[in-house]
Amino acid sequence: MVTSLLFADDVVLMASSVGDLQHSLDRFAAECEAAGMRVSTSKSEAMTLSRKPVECLLRVGNESLLQVKEFKYLGVLFASEGTMEREFGRRIGAAGRCCIRFTAPL
């Protein structure tokens, strides 16, 4: 099972339970601190993937992470209920705008 996605300075941690995710987040924060870095809680968010709403209270030290219903990672919009309709609509709209530019008279 993939438990993290890494790209440049972006990190996505994944787990099958809130407890496992908090454990991974604690370990990640500790490794960052050991390397002289810190997790920016103002730039960090929590999201669950579930058909039913699930509360996911995560903390980095004494600070709670905001739980969101949508999350964009590397340009892809993920929704907490696991659907991709908004992402498909966003991409179709972007493609349509490009086509209009190419068909406009010069």
PDB file of N, CA and C in Angstrom:
ATOM      1  N   MET A   1       0.835  -1.176   0.000  1.00  0.00           N
ATOM      2  CA  MET A   1       0.000   0.000   0.000  1.00  0.00           C
ATOM      3  C   MET A   1       0.887   1.249   0.000  1.00  0.00           C
ATOM      4  N   VAL A   2       0.561   2.204  -0.851  1.00  0.00           N
ATOM      5  CA  VAL A   2       1.281   3.472  -0.898  1.00  0.00           C
ATOM      6  C   VAL A   2       0.845   4.307   0.301  1.00  0.00           C
ATOM      7  N   THR A   3       1.819   4.807   1.078  1.00  0.00           N
ATOM      8  CA  THR A   3       1.477   5.580   2.270  1.00  0.00           C
ATOM      9  C   THR A   3       1.896   7.036   2.170  1.00  0.00           C
ATOM     10  N   SER A   4       2.599   7.397   1.081  1.00  0.00           N
ATOM     11  CA  SER A   4       2.975   8.802   0.909  1.00  0.00           C
ATOM     12  C   SER A   4       3.239   9.109  -0.555  1.00  0.00           C
ATOM     13  N   LEU A   5       3.010  10.370  -0.909  1.00  0.00           N
ATOM     14  CA  LEU A   5       3.337  10.895  -2.224  1.00  0.00           C
ATOM     15  C   LEU A   5       4.249  12.083  -1.991  1.00  0.00           C
ATOM     16  N   LEU A   6       5.359  12.130  -2.698  1.00  0.00           N
ATOM     17  CA  LEU A   6       6.333  13.203  -2.503  1.00  0.00           C
ATOM     18  C   LEU A   6       6.626  13.867  -3.838  1.00  0.00           C
ATOM     19  N   PHE A   7       6.606  15.201  -3.861  1.00  0.00           N
ATOM     20  CA  PHE A   7       6.981  15.953  -5.040  1.00  0.00           C
ATOM     21  C   PHE A   7       7.513  17.306  -4.587  1.00  0.00           C
ATOM     22  N   ALA A   8       8.790  17.572  -4.872  1.00  0.00           N
ATOM     23  CA  ALA A   8       9.450  18.816  -4.453  1.00  0.00           C
ATOM     24  C   ALA A   8       9.240  18.998  -2.945  1.00  0.00           C
ATOM     25  N   ASP A   9       8.582  20.074  -2.534  1.00  0.00           N
ATOM     26  CA  ASP A   9       8.365  20.290  -1.098  1.00  0.00           C
ATOM     27  C   ASP A   9       6.941  19.948  -0.680  1.00  0.00           C
ATOM     28  N   ASP A  10       6.211  19.203  -1.517  1.00  0.00           N
ATOM     29  CA  ASP A  10       4.852  18.764  -1.185  1.00  0.00           C
ATOM     30  C   ASP A  10       4.876  17.311  -0.730  1.00  0.00           C
ATOM     31  N   VAL A  11       4.093  17.028   0.304  1.00  0.00           N
ATOM     32  CA  VAL A  11       3.995  15.672   0.836  1.00  0.00           C
ATOM     33  C   VAL A  11       2.530  15.354   1.082  1.00  0.00           C
ATOM     34  N   VAL A  12       2.103  14.172   0.665  1.00  0.00           N
ATOM     35  CA  VAL A  12       0.774  13.663   0.990  1.00  0.00           C
ATOM     36  C   VAL A  12       0.990  12.380   1.780  1.00  0.00           C
ATOM     37  N   LEU A  13       0.442  12.330   2.989  1.00  0.00           N
ATOM     38  CA  LEU A  13       0.503  11.121   3.817  1.00  0.00           C
ATOM     39  C   LEU A  13      -0.855  10.433   3.743  1.00  0.00           C
ATOM     40  N   MET A  14      -0.857   9.105   3.621  1.00  0.00           N
ATOM     41  CA  MET A  14      -2.104   8.348   3.525  1.00  0.00           C
ATOM     42  C   MET A  14      -2.078   7.179   4.498  1.00  0.00           C
ATOM     43  N   ALA A  15      -3.247   6.863   5.031  1.00  0.00           N
ATOM     44  CA  ALA A  15      -3.378   5.727   5.943  1.00  0.00           C
ATOM     45  C   ALA A  15      -4.819   5.250   5.924  1.00  0.00           C
ATOM     46  N   SER A  16      -5.046   4.057   6.424  1.00  0.00           N
ATOM     47  CA  SER A  16      -6.400   3.501   6.439  1.00  0.00           C
ATOM     48  C   SER A  16      -7.177   3.858   7.699  1.00  0.00           C
ATOM     49  N   SER A  17      -6.537   4.517   8.666  1.00  0.00           N
ATOM     50  CA  SER A  17      -7.247   4.960   9.873  1.00  0.00           C
ATOM     51  C   SER A  17      -6.668   6.293  10.340  1.00  0.00           C
ATOM     52  N   VAL A  18      -7.467   7.024  11.092  1.00  0.00           N
ATOM     53  CA  VAL A  18      -7.014   8.314  11.626  1.00  0.00           C
ATOM     54  C   VAL A  18      -5.814   8.102  12.553  1.00  0.00           C
ATOM     55  N   GLY A  19      -5.847   7.038  13.353  1.00  0.00           N
ATOM     56  CA  GLY A  19      -4.745   6.752  14.272  1.00  0.00           C
ATOM     57  C   GLY A  19      -3.438   6.496  13.538  1.00  0.00           C
ATOM     58  N   ASP A  20      -3.520   5.697  12.466  1.00  0.00           N
ATOM     59  CA  ASP A  20      -2.317   5.421  11.675  1.00  0.00           C
ATOM     60  C   ASP A  20      -1.800   6.686  10.997  1.00  0.00           C
ATOM     61  N   LEU A  21      -2.720   7.524  10.534  1.00  0.00           N
ATOM     62  CA  LEU A  21      -2.314   8.766   9.885  1.00  0.00           C
ATOM     63  C   LEU A  21      -1.658   9.718  10.886  1.00  0.00           C
ATOM     64  N   GLN A  22      -2.218   9.812  12.089  1.00  0.00           N
ATOM     65  CA  GLN A  22      -1.612  10.669  13.113  1.00  0.00           C
ATOM     66  C   GLN A  22      -0.210  10.162  13.458  1.00  0.00           C
ATOM     67  N   HIS A  23      -0.044   8.848  13.537  1.00  0.00           N
ATOM     68  CA  HIS A  23       1.267   8.265  13.814  1.00  0.00           C
ATOM     69  C   HIS A  23       2.274   8.643  12.715  1.00  0.00           C
ATOM     70  N   SER A  24       1.850   8.512  11.444  1.00  0.00           N
ATOM     71  CA  SER A  24       2.728   8.885  10.329  1.00  0.00           C
ATOM     72  C   SER A  24       3.056  10.368  10.358  1.00  0.00           C
ATOM     73  N   LEU A  25       2.068  11.188  10.676  1.00  0.00           N
ATOM     74  CA  LEU A  25       2.280  12.627  10.751  1.00  0.00           C
ATOM     75  C   LEU A  25       3.249  12.977  11.880  1.00  0.00           C
ATOM     76  N   ASP A  26       3.121  12.308  13.029  1.00  0.00           N
ATOM     77  CA  ASP A  26       4.045  12.533  14.144  1.00  0.00           C
ATOM     78  C   ASP A  26       5.471  12.166  13.750  1.00  0.00           C
ATOM     79  N   ARG A  27       5.628  11.031  13.088  1.00  0.00           N
ATOM     80  CA  ARG A  27       6.961  10.599  12.643  1.00  0.00           C
ATOM     81  C   ARG A  27       7.537  11.565  11.620  1.00  0.00           C
ATOM     82  N   PHE A  28       6.705  12.005  10.680  1.00  0.00           N
ATOM     83  CA  PHE A  28       7.151  12.945   9.657  1.00  0.00           C
ATOM     84  C   PHE A  28       7.581  14.269  10.289  1.00  0.00           C
ATOM     85  N   ALA A  29       6.783  14.781  11.209  1.00  0.00           N
ATOM     86  CA  ALA A  29       7.109  16.041  11.887  1.00  0.00           C
ATOM     87  C   ALA A  29       8.407  15.911  12.675  1.00  0.00           C
ATOM     88  N   ALA A  30       8.617  14.774  13.319  1.00  0.00           N
ATOM     89  CA  ALA A  30       9.844  14.548  14.092  1.00  0.00           C
ATOM     90  C   ALA A  30      11.061  14.507  13.169  1.00  0.00           C
ATOM     91  N   GLU A  31      10.938  13.851  12.018  1.00  0.00           N
ATOM     92  CA  GLU A  31      12.043  13.800  11.055  1.00  0.00           C
ATOM     93  C   GLU A  31      12.341  15.191  10.495  1.00  0.00           C
ATOM     94  N   CYS A  32      11.294  15.956  10.228  1.00  0.00           N
ATOM     95  CA  CYS A  32      11.493  17.335   9.755  1.00  0.00           C
ATOM     96  C   CYS A  32      12.247  18.139  10.805  1.00  0.00           C
ATOM     97  N   GLU A  33      11.827  18.019  12.050  1.00  0.00           N
ATOM     98  CA  GLU A  33      12.471  18.767  13.137  1.00  0.00           C
ATOM     99  C   GLU A  33      13.935  18.366  13.286  1.00  0.00           C
ATOM    100  N   ALA A  34      14.212  17.068  13.175  1.00  0.00           N
ATOM    101  CA  ALA A  34      15.596  16.588  13.284  1.00  0.00           C
ATOM    102  C   ALA A  34      16.475  17.144  12.165  1.00  0.00           C
ATOM    103  N   ALA A  35      15.860  17.469  11.023  1.00  0.00           N
ATOM    104  CA  ALA A  35      16.599  18.017   9.891  1.00  0.00           C
ATOM    105  C   ALA A  35      16.577  19.551   9.891  1.00  0.00           C
ATOM    106  N   GLY A  36      16.039  20.146  10.950  1.00  0.00           N
ATOM    107  CA  GLY A  36      16.001  21.604  11.045  1.00  0.00           C
ATOM    108  C   GLY A  36      14.855  22.251  10.290  1.00  0.00           C
ATOM    109  N   MET A  37      13.830  21.471   9.971  1.00  0.00           N
ATOM    110  CA  MET A  37      12.653  21.988   9.266  1.00  0.00           C
ATOM    111  C   MET A  37      11.432  21.811  10.154  1.00  0.00           C
ATOM    112  N   ARG A  38      10.311  22.367   9.695  1.00  0.00           N
ATOM    113  CA  ARG A  38       9.070  22.165  10.435  1.00  0.00           C
ATOM    114  C   ARG A  38       7.904  22.047   9.470  1.00  0.00           C
ATOM    115  N   VAL A  39       6.855  21.391   9.901  1.00  0.00           N
ATOM    116  CA  VAL A  39       5.637  21.276   9.103  1.00  0.00           C
ATOM    117  C   VAL A  39       4.865  22.578   9.269  1.00  0.00           C
ATOM    118  N   SER A  40       4.533  23.222   8.163  1.00  0.00           N
ATOM    119  CA  SER A  40       3.761  24.461   8.202  1.00  0.00           C
ATOM    120  C   SER A  40       2.276  24.108   8.314  1.00  0.00           C
ATOM    121  N   THR A  41       1.722  24.258   9.505  1.00  0.00           N
ATOM    122  CA  THR A  41       0.313  23.900   9.700  1.00  0.00           C
ATOM    123  C   THR A  41      -0.615  24.859   8.959  1.00  0.00           C
ATOM    124  N   SER A  42      -0.162  26.067   8.676  1.00  0.00           N
ATOM    125  CA  SER A  42      -1.009  27.003   7.928  1.00  0.00           C
ATOM    126  C   SER A  42      -1.121  26.596   6.459  1.00  0.00           C
ATOM    127  N   LYS A  43      -0.204  25.766   5.984  1.00  0.00           N
ATOM    128  CA  LYS A  43      -0.238  25.297   4.597  1.00  0.00           C
ATOM    129  C   LYS A  43      -0.621  23.825   4.510  1.00  0.00           C
ATOM    130  N   SER A  44      -0.983  23.215   5.639  1.00  0.00           N
ATOM    131  CA  SER A  44      -1.300  21.788   5.680  1.00  0.00           C
ATOM    132  C   SER A  44      -2.783  21.588   5.928  1.00  0.00           C
ATOM    133  N   GLU A  45      -3.336  20.545   5.313  1.00  0.00           N
ATOM    134  CA  GLU A  45      -4.761  20.246   5.453  1.00  0.00           C
ATOM    135  C   GLU A  45      -4.952  18.745   5.596  1.00  0.00           C
ATOM    136  N   ALA A  46      -6.096  18.370   6.160  1.00  0.00           N
ATOM    137  CA  ALA A  46      -6.467  16.965   6.293  1.00  0.00           C
ATOM    138  C   ALA A  46      -7.726  16.713   5.478  1.00  0.00           C
ATOM    139  N   MET A  47      -7.788  15.542   4.833  1.00  0.00           N
ATOM    140  CA  MET A  47      -8.981  15.168   4.081  1.00  0.00           C
ATOM    141  C   MET A  47      -9.145  13.657   4.145  1.00  0.00           C
ATOM    142  N   THR A  48     -10.381  13.222   4.303  1.00  0.00           N
ATOM    143  CA  THR A  48     -10.673  11.792   4.270  1.00  0.00           C
ATOM    144  C   THR A  48     -11.306  11.459   2.928  1.00  0.00           C
ATOM    145  N   LEU A  49     -11.135  10.227   2.483  1.00  0.00           N
ATOM    146  CA  LEU A  49     -11.835   9.723   1.305  1.00  0.00           C
ATOM    147  C   LEU A  49     -12.844   8.706   1.795  1.00  0.00           C
ATOM    148  N   SER A  50     -14.114   9.095   1.786  1.00  0.00           N
ATOM    149  CA  SER A  50     -15.168   8.229   2.290  1.00  0.00           C
ATOM    150  C   SER A  50     -16.504   8.682   1.715  1.00  0.00           C
ATOM    151  N   ARG A  51     -17.385   7.746   1.453  1.00  0.00           N
ATOM    152  CA  ARG A  51     -18.715   8.113   0.953  1.00  0.00           C
ATOM    153  C   ARG A  51     -19.534   8.817   2.017  1.00  0.00           C
ATOM    154  N   LYS A  52     -19.233   8.522   3.278  1.00  0.00           N
ATOM    155  CA  LYS A  52     -19.922   9.176   4.399  1.00  0.00           C
ATOM    156  C   LYS A  52     -18.930  10.119   5.072  1.00  0.00           C
ATOM    157  N   PRO A  53     -19.401  11.266   5.574  1.00  0.00           N
ATOM    158  CA  PRO A  53     -18.486  12.196   6.256  1.00  0.00           C
ATOM    159  C   PRO A  53     -17.800  11.532   7.456  1.00  0.00           C
ATOM    160  N   VAL A  54     -16.490  11.728   7.560  1.00  0.00           N
ATOM    161  CA  VAL A  54     -15.692  11.174   8.649  1.00  0.00           C
ATOM    162  C   VAL A  54     -14.879  12.309   9.254  1.00  0.00           C
ATOM    163  N   GLU A  55     -14.914  12.423  10.564  1.00  0.00           N
ATOM    164  CA  GLU A  55     -14.121  13.447  11.229  1.00  0.00           C
ATOM    165  C   GLU A  55     -12.672  12.978  11.342  1.00  0.00           C
ATOM    166  N   CYS A  56     -11.761  13.848  10.983  1.00  0.00           N
ATOM    167  CA  CYS A  56     -10.342  13.514  10.989  1.00  0.00           C
ATOM    168  C   CYS A  56      -9.588  14.627  11.706  1.00  0.00           C
ATOM    169  N   LEU A  57      -9.448  14.494  12.994  1.00  0.00           N
ATOM    170  CA  LEU A  57      -8.773  15.511  13.809  1.00  0.00           C
ATOM    171  C   LEU A  57      -7.296  15.157  13.912  1.00  0.00           C
ATOM    172  N   LEU A  58      -6.476  15.881  13.173  1.00  0.00           N
ATOM    173  CA  LEU A  58      -5.035  15.646  13.181  1.00  0.00           C
ATOM    174  C   LEU A  58      -4.329  16.848  13.775  1.00  0.00           C
ATOM    175  N   ARG A  59      -3.210  16.581  14.445  1.00  0.00           N
ATOM    176  CA  ARG A  59      -2.444  17.642  15.084  1.00  0.00           C
ATOM    177  C   ARG A  59      -0.970  17.513  14.737  1.00  0.00           C
ATOM    178  N   VAL A  60      -0.337  18.669  14.610  1.00  0.00           N
ATOM    179  CA  VAL A  60       1.120  18.735  14.529  1.00  0.00           C
ATOM    180  C   VAL A  60       1.520  19.530  15.757  1.00  0.00           C
ATOM    181  N   GLY A  61       2.102  18.837  16.732  1.00  0.00           N
ATOM    182  CA  GLY A  61       2.389  19.488  18.014  1.00  0.00           C
ATOM    183  C   GLY A  61       1.092  19.920  18.665  1.00  0.00           C
ATOM    184  N   ASN A  62       0.961  21.204  18.969  1.00  0.00           N
ATOM    185  CA  ASN A  62      -0.248  21.728  19.610  1.00  0.00           C
ATOM    186  C   ASN A  62      -1.239  22.321  18.611  1.00  0.00           C
ATOM    187  N   GLU A  63      -0.930  22.234  17.326  1.00  0.00           N
ATOM    188  CA  GLU A  63      -1.771  22.868  16.310  1.00  0.00           C
ATOM    189  C   GLU A  63      -2.591  21.840  15.536  1.00  0.00           C
ATOM    190  N   SER A  64      -3.872  22.127  15.373  1.00  0.00           N
ATOM    191  CA  SER A  64      -4.769  21.254  14.613  1.00  0.00           C
ATOM    192  C   SER A  64      -4.697  21.586  13.132  1.00  0.00           C
ATOM    193  N   LEU A  65      -4.890  20.565  12.306  1.00  0.00           N
ATOM    194  CA  LEU A  65      -4.950  20.775  10.863  1.00  0.00           C
ATOM    195  C   LEU A  65      -6.406  20.962  10.442  1.00  0.00           C
ATOM    196  N   LEU A  66      -6.611  21.861   9.512  1.00  0.00           N
ATOM    197  CA  LEU A  66      -7.933  22.115   8.952  1.00  0.00           C
ATOM    198  C   LEU A  66      -8.364  20.907   8.133  1.00  0.00           C
ATOM    199  N   GLN A  67      -9.608  20.447   8.336  1.00  0.00           N
ATOM    200  CA  GLN A  67     -10.134  19.350   7.526  1.00  0.00           C
ATOM    201  C   GLN A  67     -10.910  19.957   6.362  1.00  0.00           C
ATOM    202  N   VAL A  68     -10.591  19.521   5.142  1.00  0.00           N
ATOM    203  CA  VAL A  68     -11.215  20.062   3.937  1.00  0.00           C
ATOM    204  C   VAL A  68     -11.990  18.972   3.201  1.00  0.00           C
ATOM    205  N   LYS A  69     -12.896  19.404   2.311  1.00  0.00           N
ATOM    206  CA  LYS A  69     -13.678  18.457   1.514  1.00  0.00           C
ATOM    207  C   LYS A  69     -13.087  18.266   0.126  1.00  0.00           C
ATOM    208  N   GLU A  70     -12.228  19.201  -0.296  1.00  0.00           N
ATOM    209  CA  GLU A  70     -11.540  19.096  -1.578  1.00  0.00           C
ATOM    210  C   GLU A  70     -10.079  19.446  -1.378  1.00  0.00           C
ATOM    211  N   PHE A  71      -9.235  18.830  -2.213  1.00  0.00           N
ATOM    212  CA  PHE A  71      -7.803  19.058  -2.090  1.00  0.00           C
ATOM    213  C   PHE A  71      -7.187  18.958  -3.480  1.00  0.00           C
ATOM    214  N   LYS A  72      -6.409  19.948  -3.847  1.00  0.00           N
ATOM    215  CA  LYS A  72      -5.743  19.916  -5.158  1.00  0.00           C
ATOM    216  C   LYS A  72      -4.284  19.524  -4.937  1.00  0.00           C
ATOM    217  N   TYR A  73      -3.851  18.472  -5.626  1.00  0.00           N
ATOM    218  CA  TYR A  73      -2.473  18.011  -5.535  1.00  0.00           C
ATOM    219  C   TYR A  73      -1.936  17.826  -6.942  1.00  0.00           C
ATOM    220  N   LEU A  74      -0.860  18.522  -7.249  1.00  0.00           N
ATOM    221  CA  LEU A  74      -0.236  18.488  -8.570  1.00  0.00           C
ATOM    222  C   LEU A  74      -1.256  18.761  -9.676  1.00  0.00           C
ATOM    223  N   GLY A  75      -2.144  19.690  -9.416  1.00  0.00           N
ATOM    224  CA  GLY A  75      -3.115  20.117 -10.413  1.00  0.00           C
ATOM    225  C   GLY A  75      -4.354  19.261 -10.522  1.00  0.00           C
ATOM    226  N   VAL A  76      -4.470  18.208  -9.716  1.00  0.00           N
ATOM    227  CA  VAL A  76      -5.639  17.326  -9.751  1.00  0.00           C
ATOM    228  C   VAL A  76      -6.487  17.591  -8.518  1.00  0.00           C
ATOM    229  N   LEU A  77      -7.797  17.807  -8.730  1.00  0.00           N
ATOM    230  CA  LEU A  77      -8.719  18.095  -7.642  1.00  0.00           C
ATOM    231  C   LEU A  77      -9.322  16.796  -7.116  1.00  0.00           C
ATOM    232  N   PHE A  78      -9.069  16.497  -5.845  1.00  0.00           N
ATOM    233  CA  PHE A  78      -9.623  15.319  -5.183  1.00  0.00           C
ATOM    234  C   PHE A  78     -10.773  15.764  -4.282  1.00  0.00           C
ATOM    235  N   ALA A  79     -11.854  14.984  -4.246  1.00  0.00           N
ATOM    236  CA  ALA A  79     -13.007  15.274  -3.394  1.00  0.00           C
ATOM    237  C   ALA A  79     -13.099  14.224  -2.305  1.00  0.00           C
ATOM    238  N   SER A  80     -13.516  14.644  -1.106  1.00  0.00           N
ATOM    239  CA  SER A  80     -13.533  13.723   0.036  1.00  0.00           C
ATOM    240  C   SER A  80     -14.475  12.536  -0.162  1.00  0.00           C
ATOM    241  N   GLU A  81     -15.541  12.712  -0.951  1.00  0.00           N
ATOM    242  CA  GLU A  81     -16.448  11.577  -1.169  1.00  0.00           C
ATOM    243  C   GLU A  81     -15.931  10.621  -2.234  1.00  0.00           C
ATOM    244  N   GLY A  82     -14.748  10.927  -2.800  1.00  0.00           N
ATOM    245  CA  GLY A  82     -14.106  10.025  -3.742  1.00  0.00           C
ATOM    246  C   GLY A  82     -14.545  10.187  -5.185  1.00  0.00           C
ATOM    247  N   THR A  83     -15.382  11.167  -5.472  1.00  0.00           N
ATOM    248  CA  THR A  83     -15.838  11.374  -6.841  1.00  0.00           C
ATOM    249  C   THR A  83     -14.882  12.302  -7.580  1.00  0.00           C
ATOM    250  N   MET A  84     -14.925  12.234  -8.898  1.00  0.00           N
ATOM    251  CA  MET A  84     -14.038  13.060  -9.720  1.00  0.00           C
ATOM    252  C   MET A  84     -14.823  13.986 -10.658  1.00  0.00           C
ATOM    253  N   GLU A  85     -16.151  14.118 -10.460  1.00  0.00           N
ATOM    254  CA  GLU A  85     -16.973  14.908 -11.370  1.00  0.00           C
ATOM    255  C   GLU A  85     -16.474  16.346 -11.503  1.00  0.00           C
ATOM    256  N   ARG A  86     -16.155  16.991 -10.389  1.00  0.00           N
ATOM    257  CA  ARG A  86     -15.686  18.379 -10.462  1.00  0.00           C
ATOM    258  C   ARG A  86     -14.366  18.467 -11.221  1.00  0.00           C
ATOM    259  N   GLU A  87     -13.495  17.490 -11.030  1.00  0.00           N
ATOM    260  CA  GLU A  87     -12.217  17.482 -11.752  1.00  0.00           C
ATOM    261  C   GLU A  87     -12.457  17.289 -13.241  1.00  0.00           C
ATOM    262  N   PHE A  88     -13.348  16.373 -13.607  1.00  0.00           N
ATOM    263  CA  PHE A  88     -13.651  16.166 -15.021  1.00  0.00           C
ATOM    264  C   PHE A  88     -14.234  17.439 -15.630  1.00  0.00           C
ATOM    265  N   GLY A  89     -15.172  18.072 -14.931  1.00  0.00           N
ATOM    266  CA  GLY A  89     -15.777  19.307 -15.416  1.00  0.00           C
ATOM    267  C   GLY A  89     -14.748  20.410 -15.576  1.00  0.00           C
ATOM    268  N   ARG A  90     -13.826  20.508 -14.629  1.00  0.00           N
ATOM    269  CA  ARG A  90     -12.777  21.517 -14.680  1.00  0.00           C
ATOM    270  C   ARG A  90     -11.892  21.304 -15.906  1.00  0.00           C
ATOM    271  N   ARG A  91     -11.540  20.059 -16.177  1.00  0.00           N
ATOM    272  CA  ARG A  91     -10.674  19.756 -17.323  1.00  0.00           C
ATOM    273  C   ARG A  91     -11.396  19.958 -18.650  1.00  0.00           C
ATOM    274  N   ILE A  92     -12.670  19.569 -18.709  1.00  0.00           N
ATOM    275  CA  ILE A  92     -13.442  19.769 -19.939  1.00  0.00           C
ATOM    276  C   ILE A  92     -13.584  21.258 -20.208  1.00  0.00           C
ATOM    277  N   GLY A  93     -13.836  22.048 -19.172  1.00  0.00           N
ATOM    278  CA  GLY A  93     -13.931  23.496 -19.327  1.00  0.00           C
ATOM    279  C   GLY A  93     -12.628  24.098 -19.824  1.00  0.00           C
ATOM    280  N   ALA A  94     -11.513  23.641 -19.279  1.00  0.00           N
ATOM    281  CA  ALA A  94     -10.206  24.145 -19.704  1.00  0.00           C
ATOM    282  C   ALA A  94      -9.942  23.776 -21.161  1.00  0.00           C
ATOM    283  N   ALA A  95     -10.303  22.566 -21.562  1.00  0.00           N
ATOM    284  CA  ALA A  95     -10.111  22.146 -22.953  1.00  0.00           C
ATOM    285  C   ALA A  95     -10.985  22.979 -23.881  1.00  0.00           C
ATOM    286  N   GLY A  96     -12.210  23.252 -23.460  1.00  0.00           N
ATOM    287  CA  GLY A  96     -13.113  24.070 -24.266  1.00  0.00           C
ATOM    288  C   GLY A  96     -12.569  25.475 -24.462  1.00  0.00           C
ATOM    289  N   ARG A  97     -12.002  26.062 -23.422  1.00  0.00           N
ATOM    290  CA  ARG A  97     -11.418  27.401 -23.529  1.00  0.00           C
ATOM    291  C   ARG A  97     -10.230  27.398 -24.494  1.00  0.00           C
ATOM    292  N   CYS A  98      -9.439  26.338 -24.488  1.00  0.00           N
ATOM    293  CA  CYS A  98      -8.321  26.239 -25.428  1.00  0.00           C
ATOM    294  C   CYS A  98      -8.823  26.143 -26.864  1.00  0.00           C
ATOM    295  N   CYS A  99      -9.864  25.345 -27.092  1.00  0.00           N
ATOM    296  CA  CYS A  99     -10.410  25.181 -28.441  1.00  0.00           C
ATOM    297  C   CYS A  99     -10.951  26.504 -28.964  1.00  0.00           C
ATOM    298  N   ILE A 100     -11.591  27.274 -28.114  1.00  0.00           N
ATOM    299  CA  ILE A 100     -12.117  28.580 -28.534  1.00  0.00           C
ATOM    300  C   ILE A 100     -10.982  29.469 -28.995  1.00  0.00           C
ATOM    301  N   ARG A 101      -9.866  29.449 -28.275  1.00  0.00           N
ATOM    302  CA  ARG A 101      -8.700  30.273 -28.662  1.00  0.00           C
ATOM    303  C   ARG A 101      -8.176  29.887 -30.039  1.00  0.00           C
ATOM    304  N   PHE A 102      -8.173  28.593 -30.346  1.00  0.00           N
ATOM    305  CA  PHE A 102      -7.631  28.131 -31.619  1.00  0.00           C
ATOM    306  C   PHE A 102      -8.585  28.399 -32.793  1.00  0.00           C
ATOM    307  N   THR A 103      -9.881  28.516 -32.515  1.00  0.00           N
ATOM    308  CA  THR A 103     -10.844  28.735 -33.597  1.00  0.00           C
ATOM    309  C   THR A 103     -11.186  30.208 -33.779  1.00  0.00           C
ATOM    310  N   ALA A 104     -10.731  31.071 -32.893  1.00  0.00           N
ATOM    311  CA  ALA A 104     -11.012  32.498 -33.026  1.00  0.00           C
ATOM    312  C   ALA A 104     -10.266  33.064 -34.224  1.00  0.00           C
ATOM    313  N   PRO A 105     -10.942  33.947 -34.987  1.00  0.00           N
ATOM    314  CA  PRO A 105     -10.253  34.559 -36.140  1.00  0.00           C
ATOM    315  C   PRO A 105      -9.101  35.433 -35.697  1.00  0.00           C
ATOM    316  N   LEU A 106      -8.077  35.479 -36.508  1.00  0.00           N
ATOM    317  CA  LEU A 106      -6.904  36.293 -36.191  1.00  0.00           C
ATOM    318  C   LEU A 106      -7.073  37.711 -36.626  1.00  0.00           C
TER     319      LEU A 106
END
